[in-house]
Amino acid sequence: LAHQDRVENIMGYVLLDGTPDVSPYSLAEQFISLRRMIVHGRYDQEEGEGPSLALQTGVLLPGIEAETGVGATVALLFSWSGDPGTLHLSASVSYTQDATWDFFGSVVLDGGPDWPVHPIVELWIDVDDGAPWISGLAGVVGNVTDEFSLQAGARVGGWEDALELEVRLSTWIAWDLGGAEE
């Protein structure tokens, strides 16, 4: 069963480091998005062939001990999935909760999506209000059901003299809005 239209709730993450002026237990970067498949491939159809391409739009929500405003985001998502894993490429532009522009691009290697727990590696660049930030993440994803997963990882990022270490814990929840193809 392939999902043509989905609503996804990607919860933020809990910061566990001692960043000045930031609560160590804040919940940030929450958003709700709608993803529309443009090209159906193996990523969104088990029996499909070739790449998948999606357009994702969303609302950036206020955080807890974090951003207080509301923003918007639009992204183009490319995926190519095969037996050993999945390659994801994404590019997005957002008007953030802090009323700034954010440009984001990433490359993700996601191993063994049919495994109950599988590794994930991500590299990305984020340009928020003109300031670049480069980051890498290594972690695991545990698929509880087709609609719910738990994710954990460690991320290192920075630019010039700034360096940040983050432990990331998150959930992924999807609801089918109909329009699915069999």
Protein backbone atom coordinates (compact mmCIF):
# COMPACT_ATOMS: atom_id res chain seq x y z
CA LEU A 1 0.00 0.00 0.00
CA ALA A 2 1.58 3.31 -1.02
CA HIS A 3 0.70 6.60 0.59
CA GLN A 4 0.04 9.36 -1.89
CA ASP A 5 -0.92 12.02 0.64
CA ARG A 6 0.27 12.00 4.24
CA VAL A 7 0.29 14.26 7.23
CA GLU A 8 3.40 13.84 9.31
CA ASN A 9 4.08 15.05 12.80
CA ILE A 10 7.80 15.30 13.33
CA MET A 11 8.41 16.13 16.95
CA GLY A 12 11.37 18.23 17.96
CA TYR A 13 14.30 17.09 20.02
CA VAL A 14 15.50 17.51 23.58
CA LEU A 15 18.80 19.37 24.01
CA LEU A 16 21.03 17.72 26.59
CA ASP A 17 24.12 19.93 26.41
CA GLY A 18 24.92 23.06 28.42
CA THR A 19 24.34 25.67 25.72
CA PRO A 20 24.24 29.13 27.39
CA ASP A 21 20.84 30.84 27.49
CA VAL A 22 19.06 27.66 26.32
CA SER A 23 17.14 25.37 28.66
CA PRO A 24 18.80 21.93 28.53
CA TYR A 25 15.36 20.32 28.31
CA SER A 26 13.75 22.45 25.62
CA LEU A 27 11.57 20.98 22.91
CA ALA A 28 12.38 22.75 19.65
CA GLU A 29 11.86 22.55 15.89
CA GLN A 30 8.39 20.99 15.97
CA PHE A 31 6.33 21.04 12.81
CA ILE A 32 3.38 19.45 11.07
CA SER A 33 3.71 18.85 7.34
CA LEU A 34 1.81 17.55 4.35
CA ARG A 35 3.78 15.46 1.88
CA ARG A 36 2.54 14.95 -1.69
CA MET A 37 4.25 12.35 -3.88
CA ILE A 38 5.12 13.74 -7.33
CA VAL A 39 6.96 10.66 -8.65
CA HIS A 40 6.16 7.24 -7.19
CA GLY A 41 9.11 4.88 -6.90
CA ARG A 42 10.35 2.12 -4.66
CA TYR A 43 10.59 4.41 -1.60
CA ASP A 44 6.83 4.85 -1.32
CA GLN A 45 5.72 1.63 -3.07
CA GLU A 46 7.13 -1.74 -2.01
CA GLU A 47 6.84 -3.16 -5.52
CA GLY A 48 7.72 0.17 -7.20
CA GLU A 49 10.80 0.81 -9.30
CA GLY A 50 13.21 3.74 -9.42
CA PRO A 51 13.34 7.01 -7.52
CA SER A 52 10.63 8.84 -5.58
CA LEU A 53 10.10 12.60 -5.49
CA ALA A 54 7.87 14.49 -3.06
CA LEU A 55 6.85 18.05 -2.26
CA GLN A 56 6.45 18.76 1.44
CA THR A 57 4.82 21.86 2.94
CA GLY A 58 4.40 22.55 6.60
CA VAL A 59 3.77 24.80 9.55
CA LEU A 60 6.58 25.37 12.07
CA LEU A 61 5.09 25.30 15.58
CA PRO A 62 6.08 27.14 18.76
CA GLY A 63 8.39 25.15 21.01
CA ILE A 64 8.63 24.58 24.74
CA GLU A 65 11.42 26.71 26.23
CA ALA A 66 12.33 27.45 22.58
CA GLU A 67 10.85 29.34 19.61
CA THR A 68 7.61 31.15 20.41
CA GLY A 69 6.42 32.10 16.93
CA VAL A 70 4.93 30.24 13.99
CA GLY A 71 6.63 29.72 10.61
CA ALA A 72 6.21 27.92 7.29
CA THR A 73 8.35 25.57 5.22
CA VAL A 74 8.43 24.02 1.74
CA ALA A 75 10.79 21.21 0.68
CA LEU A 76 11.62 19.01 -2.30
CA LEU A 77 12.51 15.44 -1.24
CA PHE A 78 14.23 12.84 -3.44
CA SER A 79 14.69 9.20 -2.41
CA TRP A 80 16.08 6.11 -4.06
CA SER A 81 15.48 2.91 -2.16
CA GLY A 82 16.99 -0.51 -2.76
CA ASP A 83 17.61 -3.72 -0.83
CA PRO A 84 20.69 -2.46 1.10
CA GLY A 85 19.09 0.87 2.10
CA THR A 86 17.86 4.27 0.97
CA LEU A 87 19.52 7.46 -0.28
CA HIS A 88 17.64 10.68 0.56
CA LEU A 89 18.40 14.15 -0.83
CA SER A 90 16.42 17.18 0.31
CA ALA A 91 16.33 20.93 -0.13
CA SER A 92 14.03 23.30 1.73
CA VAL A 93 13.32 26.95 2.39
CA SER A 94 11.56 28.12 5.56
CA TYR A 95 10.32 31.29 7.12
CA THR A 96 11.19 30.46 10.73
CA GLN A 97 9.43 31.03 14.05
CA ASP A 98 12.02 33.78 14.67
CA ALA A 99 10.97 35.61 11.45
CA THR A 100 14.16 34.77 9.52
CA TRP A 101 14.77 32.84 6.28
CA ASP A 102 16.35 29.40 6.49
CA PHE A 103 17.78 27.34 3.61
CA PHE A 104 18.54 23.67 4.23
CA GLY A 105 20.04 20.80 2.21
CA SER A 106 20.86 17.25 3.27
CA VAL A 107 22.13 13.85 2.19
CA VAL A 108 20.98 10.83 4.23
CA LEU A 109 21.96 7.16 3.99
CA ASP A 110 19.36 4.98 5.70
CA GLY A 111 20.30 1.30 5.97
CA GLY A 112 18.00 -1.69 5.85
CA PRO A 113 14.53 -0.10 6.09
CA ASP A 114 12.93 -3.53 6.55
CA TRP A 115 15.03 -4.23 9.64
CA PRO A 116 13.25 -3.57 12.96
CA VAL A 117 16.18 -1.31 13.94
CA HIS A 118 18.46 0.17 11.27
CA PRO A 119 21.37 2.66 11.12
CA ILE A 120 21.17 6.14 9.64
CA VAL A 121 23.88 8.66 8.67
CA GLU A 122 23.11 12.26 7.72
CA LEU A 123 25.14 15.24 6.49
CA TRP A 124 23.57 18.66 6.04
CA ILE A 125 24.10 22.37 5.63
CA ASP A 126 21.72 24.90 7.14
CA VAL A 127 21.91 28.60 6.30
CA ASP A 128 19.76 30.46 8.83
CA ASP A 129 19.55 34.24 8.34
CA GLY A 130 22.79 34.15 6.32
CA ALA A 131 24.86 32.13 8.83
CA PRO A 132 25.96 28.65 7.56
CA TRP A 133 25.99 25.59 9.80
CA ILE A 134 27.36 22.19 8.74
CA SER A 135 26.38 19.05 10.62
CA GLY A 136 26.66 15.27 10.69
CA LEU A 137 24.48 12.75 12.52
CA ALA A 138 24.77 9.03 13.18
CA GLY A 139 21.95 7.12 14.78
CA VAL A 140 19.35 4.38 14.70
CA VAL A 141 15.68 4.17 13.76
CA GLY A 142 13.35 1.66 15.37
CA ASN A 143 10.20 0.94 13.36
CA VAL A 144 7.43 0.20 15.84
CA THR A 145 4.75 0.11 13.09
CA ASP A 146 4.49 1.39 9.49
CA GLU A 147 3.08 4.63 10.94
CA PHE A 148 5.27 5.08 14.03
CA SER A 149 9.01 4.97 14.68
CA LEU A 150 11.44 5.98 17.41
CA GLN A 151 14.74 7.61 16.47
CA ALA A 152 17.94 8.27 18.43
CA GLY A 153 21.29 9.67 17.39
CA ALA A 154 24.23 11.95 18.09
CA ARG A 155 24.93 15.02 16.00
CA VAL A 156 28.07 17.13 15.72
CA GLY A 157 27.88 20.44 13.94
CA GLY A 158 29.49 23.79 13.63
CA TRP A 159 31.12 26.49 11.59
CA GLU A 160 34.49 28.13 12.16
CA ASP A 161 35.12 28.14 15.96
CA ALA A 162 31.64 27.05 17.02
CA LEU A 163 31.06 23.36 17.73
CA GLU A 164 27.92 21.72 19.04
CA LEU A 165 27.24 18.20 20.25
CA GLU A 166 23.63 17.08 20.45
CA VAL A 167 21.88 13.88 21.47
CA ARG A 168 18.68 13.59 19.48
CA LEU A 169 15.60 11.58 20.47
CA SER A 170 12.50 11.84 18.32
CA THR A 171 9.34 10.17 17.06
CA TRP A 172 7.88 9.94 13.58
CA ILE A 173 4.11 9.55 13.19
CA ALA A 174 2.19 9.41 9.88
CA TRP A 175 -1.53 9.46 9.15
CA ASP A 176 -2.91 8.35 5.79
CA LEU A 177 -5.31 10.94 4.32
CA GLY A 178 -6.67 8.62 1.67
CA GLY A 179 -5.76 8.73 -1.98
CA ALA A 180 -3.54 5.69 -1.47
CA GLU A 181 -2.81 3.43 -4.40
CA GLU A 182 -2.57 -0.33 -4.14
